[in-house]
Amino acid sequence: MTTRTNTRSDTVFTGSFEGDLRRYLRGLGGLLAFLLVWWVGAVTTQPTYLVPGPLESAYAFVDLFATSTAIVVPILGSSLVLPTGLAHLAQTLFHYVPGLLLGALCGISLGLAMGWNGALEDWLRPLVRVLRPIPPLAWVVFAIVWFGIHHTGAAFIVFVGAFWINFYGAYGGVEGVSSDLTDAASTLGVERDFSMLKLVALPSAAPQVLTGFRTSIGRCWMIVVGAELFGAPGVGYEIINASNNLAMATSVAYMFVISLAFLCMDVGFRFVERRMLAWR
């Protein structure tokens, strides 16, 4: 009996390993096919600088970390010397992180409140329907006038984008709380609205709230790069600045920087999300 169990376990493990290996090989094949198409497109395009090839882009990426650049840390006012690629990424993070976190905090708070309080929802629903369709980048002109072309203005644009994404994540999560859960909690003695929200609604809505925040991490990367195209310091500004000088390989290198930064943040948050939702 023991031998059969071990044999069955070994078979399942081997099958799982082969399946994972097959998926990784398919992913590698897709990546190689993309690089081939990219290389062919670069070779057949004239003038050649219009579409830099994979090798030229890789060299440009390495060059970003072969030189150093001094940047000024906001609020502190002190200068910091970093590899050029990291320096401009840090400039982006100086307005991306505050805008993302503050927008998420405000959006989740209002979403929970509106989803739970019917009277507040009645008051604010028309305003939400008017403001929600406005794209975050449409606020760029106001950000420039109110805050100037710097970190604060770009952070405001990120704030707007993060606010709405997290608002609807929290609002939908609380609105979808099953009445069976609230009835059971009432039976067990949970009476006050705040207690019901804290002990029942928020845990039930947590998966959707966290999904909304994870979505905002990626969407706000797109928003912050768009905001920087108008002059705020960071990776987005360096992309447009390099293209203006026809250094297209450098623009592609900065695009790689954005992609790698997002992947690191997404993987890190997925780990946190699994820990927070381990009870499911």
Protein backbone atom coordinates (compact mmCIF):
# COMPACT_ATOMS: atom_id res chain seq x y z
CA MET A 1 0.00 0.00 0.00
CA THR A 2 2.80 2.43 0.92
CA THR A 3 4.67 1.72 -2.31
CA ARG A 4 1.55 2.50 -4.37
CA THR A 5 1.06 5.82 -2.58
CA ASN A 6 4.66 6.84 -3.14
CA THR A 7 4.47 5.81 -6.79
CA ARG A 8 1.31 7.81 -7.29
CA SER A 9 2.88 10.88 -5.63
CA ASP A 10 5.97 10.56 -7.79
CA THR A 11 3.80 10.34 -10.88
CA VAL A 12 1.84 13.47 -9.93
CA PHE A 13 5.07 15.36 -9.17
CA THR A 14 6.64 14.30 -12.47
CA GLY A 15 3.53 15.29 -14.40
CA SER A 16 3.42 18.68 -12.69
CA PHE A 17 7.12 19.30 -13.38
CA GLU A 18 6.75 18.35 -17.04
CA GLY A 19 3.70 20.61 -17.37
CA ASP A 20 5.54 23.57 -15.83
CA LEU A 21 8.58 22.92 -18.04
CA ARG A 22 6.36 22.79 -21.12
CA ARG A 23 4.77 26.13 -20.25
CA TYR A 24 8.16 27.76 -19.65
CA LEU A 25 9.46 26.47 -22.96
CA ARG A 26 6.39 27.84 -24.75
CA GLY A 27 6.93 31.20 -23.09
CA LEU A 28 10.59 31.16 -24.14
CA GLY A 29 9.55 30.25 -27.67
CA GLY A 30 7.13 33.17 -27.79
CA LEU A 31 9.83 35.53 -26.55
CA LEU A 32 12.32 34.29 -29.14
CA ALA A 33 9.72 34.67 -31.89
CA PHE A 34 9.07 38.25 -30.80
CA LEU A 35 12.80 39.03 -30.83
CA LEU A 36 13.10 37.55 -34.31
CA VAL A 37 10.23 39.65 -35.65
CA TRP A 38 11.70 42.71 -33.94
CA TRP A 39 15.14 42.04 -35.48
CA VAL A 40 13.68 41.55 -38.97
CA GLY A 41 11.67 44.75 -38.64
CA ALA A 42 14.75 46.69 -37.52
CA VAL A 43 16.91 45.32 -40.36
CA THR A 44 14.34 46.09 -43.07
CA THR A 45 13.43 49.59 -41.85
CA GLN A 46 15.15 52.64 -43.30
CA PRO A 47 16.48 54.92 -41.89
CA THR A 48 17.80 52.40 -39.36
CA TYR A 49 17.40 54.69 -36.32
CA LEU A 50 13.60 54.55 -36.65
CA VAL A 51 13.46 50.99 -35.29
CA PRO A 52 16.48 50.09 -33.15
CA GLY A 53 17.20 46.37 -33.03
CA PRO A 54 17.34 44.15 -29.94
CA LEU A 55 21.13 44.35 -29.67
CA GLU A 56 21.25 48.14 -29.99
CA SER A 57 18.51 48.45 -27.38
CA ALA A 58 20.34 46.04 -25.04
CA TYR A 59 23.55 48.06 -25.37
CA ALA A 60 21.63 51.25 -24.64
CA PHE A 61 20.09 49.60 -21.56
CA VAL A 62 23.54 48.66 -20.26
CA ASP A 63 24.77 52.22 -20.92
CA LEU A 64 22.06 53.56 -18.61
CA PHE A 65 23.81 51.88 -15.71
CA ALA A 66 27.37 52.57 -16.84
CA THR A 67 27.12 56.29 -16.07
CA SER A 68 25.95 58.21 -12.99
CA THR A 69 23.54 61.12 -12.58
CA ALA A 70 22.87 63.40 -9.61
CA ILE A 71 19.24 64.04 -8.64
CA VAL A 72 17.61 66.14 -5.94
CA VAL A 73 15.47 64.35 -3.37
CA PRO A 74 12.17 66.23 -2.88
CA ILE A 75 11.44 67.73 0.55
CA LEU A 76 14.91 66.82 1.84
CA GLY A 77 16.60 68.96 -0.80
CA SER A 78 19.73 66.79 -0.72
CA SER A 79 21.40 65.46 -3.86
CA LEU A 80 21.79 61.77 -4.59
CA VAL A 81 24.13 60.20 -7.15
CA LEU A 82 22.86 57.00 -8.79
CA PRO A 83 23.36 55.09 -12.04
CA THR A 84 21.56 57.09 -14.72
CA GLY A 85 18.78 54.56 -15.25
CA LEU A 86 18.08 54.23 -11.52
CA ALA A 87 18.30 58.00 -11.06
CA HIS A 88 15.53 58.71 -13.55
CA LEU A 89 13.49 55.79 -12.23
CA ALA A 90 13.84 57.28 -8.74
CA GLN A 91 12.57 60.61 -10.07
CA THR A 92 9.50 58.82 -11.37
CA LEU A 93 8.98 57.04 -8.06
CA PHE A 94 9.17 60.38 -6.20
CA HIS A 95 5.77 61.30 -7.62
CA TYR A 96 4.43 57.85 -8.52
CA VAL A 97 4.52 56.35 -5.02
CA PRO A 98 2.91 59.29 -3.12
CA GLY A 99 0.23 59.70 -5.81
CA LEU A 100 -0.53 55.98 -5.85
CA LEU A 101 -0.69 55.53 -2.07
CA LEU A 102 -2.67 58.70 -1.35
CA GLY A 103 -5.05 58.05 -4.25
CA ALA A 104 -5.57 54.46 -3.11
CA LEU A 105 -6.19 55.52 0.48
CA CYS A 106 -8.76 58.16 -0.48
CA GLY A 107 -10.40 56.00 -3.14
CA ILE A 108 -10.74 52.94 -0.90
CA SER A 109 -12.06 55.04 1.99
CA LEU A 110 -14.72 56.74 -0.11
CA GLY A 111 -15.62 53.50 -1.88
CA LEU A 112 -16.16 51.69 1.41
CA ALA A 113 -18.20 54.58 2.80
CA MET A 114 -20.43 54.93 -0.27
CA GLY A 115 -20.88 51.19 -0.67
CA TRP A 116 -21.97 50.85 2.95
CA ASN A 117 -23.96 54.05 3.56
CA GLY A 118 -26.98 54.42 1.31
CA ALA A 119 -27.59 58.08 2.18
CA LEU A 120 -24.00 59.05 1.33
CA GLU A 121 -24.29 57.12 -1.93
CA ASP A 122 -27.44 59.06 -2.86
CA TRP A 123 -25.64 62.35 -2.25
CA LEU A 124 -22.46 61.53 -4.15
CA ARG A 125 -23.59 59.24 -6.97
CA PRO A 126 -24.37 62.09 -9.46
CA LEU A 127 -21.01 63.73 -8.77
CA VAL A 128 -19.18 60.43 -9.24
CA ARG A 129 -20.92 59.83 -12.56
CA VAL A 130 -19.89 63.27 -13.80
CA LEU A 131 -16.23 63.12 -12.72
CA ARG A 132 -15.42 59.43 -13.33
CA PRO A 133 -15.38 59.53 -17.18
CA ILE A 134 -12.75 62.30 -17.23
CA PRO A 135 -9.35 60.71 -18.10
CA PRO A 136 -6.59 61.43 -15.55
CA LEU A 137 -4.38 62.99 -18.25
CA ALA A 138 -7.12 65.53 -18.95
CA TRP A 139 -6.17 67.09 -15.60
CA VAL A 140 -2.61 67.78 -16.80
CA VAL A 141 -3.36 71.40 -17.66
CA PHE A 142 -4.73 72.01 -14.16
CA ALA A 143 -1.80 70.17 -12.58
CA ILE A 144 0.62 72.47 -14.43
CA VAL A 145 -1.28 75.62 -13.42
CA TRP A 146 -1.83 74.57 -9.80
CA PHE A 147 1.43 72.78 -8.99
CA GLY A 148 3.88 73.49 -11.81
CA ILE A 149 5.81 71.06 -13.99
CA HIS A 150 7.44 69.04 -11.26
CA HIS A 151 6.86 66.17 -8.84
CA THR A 152 3.72 67.60 -7.21
CA GLY A 153 1.91 68.09 -10.50
CA ALA A 154 2.75 64.58 -11.71
CA ALA A 155 1.76 63.12 -8.32
CA PHE A 156 -1.63 64.82 -8.65
CA ILE A 157 -2.23 63.11 -12.01
CA VAL A 158 -1.29 59.73 -10.53
CA PHE A 159 -3.55 60.47 -7.54
CA VAL A 160 -6.55 60.98 -9.83
CA GLY A 161 -5.94 57.71 -11.66
CA ALA A 162 -5.35 55.68 -8.49
CA PHE A 163 -8.36 57.23 -6.77
CA TRP A 164 -10.96 56.03 -9.26
CA ILE A 165 -9.53 52.56 -9.75
CA ASN A 166 -9.43 51.89 -6.01
CA PHE A 167 -12.76 53.62 -5.42
CA TYR A 168 -14.63 51.23 -7.68
CA GLY A 169 -12.73 48.23 -6.32
CA ALA A 170 -13.79 49.06 -2.76
CA TYR A 171 -17.29 50.20 -3.73
CA GLY A 172 -18.02 47.04 -5.70
CA GLY A 173 -16.54 44.86 -2.97
CA VAL A 174 -18.70 46.30 -0.18
CA GLU A 175 -21.80 46.51 -2.37
CA GLY A 176 -21.47 42.81 -3.13
CA VAL A 177 -21.35 41.66 0.49
CA SER A 178 -23.87 38.86 0.96
CA SER A 179 -26.87 39.64 3.15
CA ASP A 180 -26.43 36.17 4.64
CA LEU A 181 -23.15 37.29 6.19
CA THR A 182 -24.64 40.43 7.72
CA ASP A 183 -27.66 38.51 9.01
CA ALA A 184 -25.40 35.92 10.60
CA ALA A 185 -23.27 38.65 12.18
CA SER A 186 -26.38 40.35 13.57
CA THR A 187 -27.47 37.05 15.07
CA LEU A 188 -24.08 36.75 16.76
CA GLY A 189 -24.40 40.22 18.32
CA VAL A 190 -22.73 42.59 15.83
CA GLU A 191 -25.00 45.62 15.88
CA ARG A 192 -23.22 48.92 15.14
CA ASP A 193 -22.61 49.90 11.51
CA PHE A 194 -18.92 50.48 12.13
CA SER A 195 -18.51 47.07 13.74
CA MET A 196 -20.40 45.41 10.89
CA LEU A 197 -18.21 47.21 8.34
CA LYS A 198 -14.99 46.30 10.16
CA LEU A 199 -15.80 42.69 11.03
CA VAL A 200 -17.94 41.58 8.07
CA ALA A 201 -17.96 43.91 5.07
CA LEU A 202 -14.27 44.75 4.92
CA PRO A 203 -12.98 41.14 5.14
CA SER A 204 -15.55 40.07 2.56
CA ALA A 205 -14.56 42.92 0.22
CA ALA A 206 -10.80 42.50 0.80
CA PRO A 207 -10.13 40.37 -2.33
CA GLN A 208 -11.77 42.92 -4.60
CA VAL A 209 -10.10 45.85 -2.79
CA LEU A 210 -6.68 44.25 -3.20
CA THR A 211 -7.39 43.46 -6.84
CA GLY A 212 -8.28 47.10 -7.39
CA PHE A 213 -5.03 48.23 -5.80
CA ARG A 214 -3.00 45.78 -7.87
CA THR A 215 -4.72 47.05 -11.01
CA SER A 216 -3.89 50.63 -10.04
CA ILE A 217 -0.19 49.74 -9.73
CA GLY A 218 -0.06 48.93 -13.44
CA ARG A 219 -2.49 51.57 -14.69
CA CYS A 220 -0.74 54.33 -12.79
CA TRP A 221 2.56 53.40 -14.45
CA MET A 222 0.91 54.28 -17.77
CA ILE A 223 -0.51 57.47 -16.30
CA VAL A 224 2.74 58.66 -14.74
CA VAL A 225 4.70 58.17 -17.96
CA GLY A 226 2.03 60.13 -19.82
CA ALA A 227 2.22 62.92 -17.23
CA GLU A 228 6.02 63.07 -17.55
CA LEU A 229 5.80 63.57 -21.30
CA PHE A 230 4.74 67.12 -20.50
CA GLY A 231 8.01 67.88 -18.70
CA ALA A 232 7.97 66.38 -15.19
CA PRO A 233 11.32 64.70 -14.44
CA GLY A 234 11.46 60.93 -14.71
CA VAL A 235 11.56 58.02 -17.11
CA GLY A 236 8.71 59.31 -19.28
CA TYR A 237 10.49 62.61 -19.85
CA GLU A 238 13.70 60.77 -20.75
CA ILE A 239 11.82 58.69 -23.33
CA ILE A 240 10.53 61.76 -25.16
CA ASN A 241 13.84 63.60 -24.71
CA ALA A 242 15.80 60.71 -26.25
CA SER A 243 13.36 60.45 -29.17
CA ASN A 244 13.72 64.18 -29.84
CA ASN A 245 17.46 63.53 -30.25
CA LEU A 246 16.71 60.48 -32.48
CA ALA A 247 18.27 58.20 -29.84
CA MET A 248 15.48 55.65 -30.25
CA ALA A 249 17.52 52.83 -28.71
CA THR A 250 17.74 54.88 -25.50
CA SER A 251 13.97 55.35 -25.55
CA VAL A 252 13.53 51.58 -25.82
CA ALA A 253 16.02 51.10 -22.97
CA TYR A 254 13.94 53.34 -20.71
CA MET A 255 10.86 51.35 -21.72
CA PHE A 256 12.68 48.25 -20.45
CA VAL A 257 13.33 50.08 -17.17
CA ILE A 258 9.60 50.77 -16.81
CA SER A 259 8.72 47.15 -17.56
CA LEU A 260 11.21 45.72 -15.07
CA ALA A 261 10.13 48.14 -12.34
CA PHE A 262 6.48 47.19 -12.83
CA LEU A 263 7.28 43.47 -12.80
CA CYS A 264 9.14 43.82 -9.50
CA MET A 265 6.28 45.78 -7.94
CA ASP A 266 3.62 43.38 -9.24
CA VAL A 267 5.46 40.28 -8.02
CA GLY A 268 6.04 41.91 -4.63
CA PHE A 269 2.39 42.87 -4.23
CA ARG A 270 1.20 39.43 -5.32
CA PHE A 271 3.28 37.97 -2.49
CA VAL A 272 1.72 40.43 -0.02
CA GLU A 273 -1.75 39.71 -1.39
CA ARG A 274 -1.34 35.96 -0.90
CA ARG A 275 -0.24 36.52 2.69
CA MET A 276 -3.15 38.84 3.43
CA LEU A 277 -5.70 36.51 1.87
CA ALA A 278 -4.24 33.30 3.29
CA TRP A 279 -7.49 32.78 5.20
CA ARG A 280 -9.44 32.10 1.99
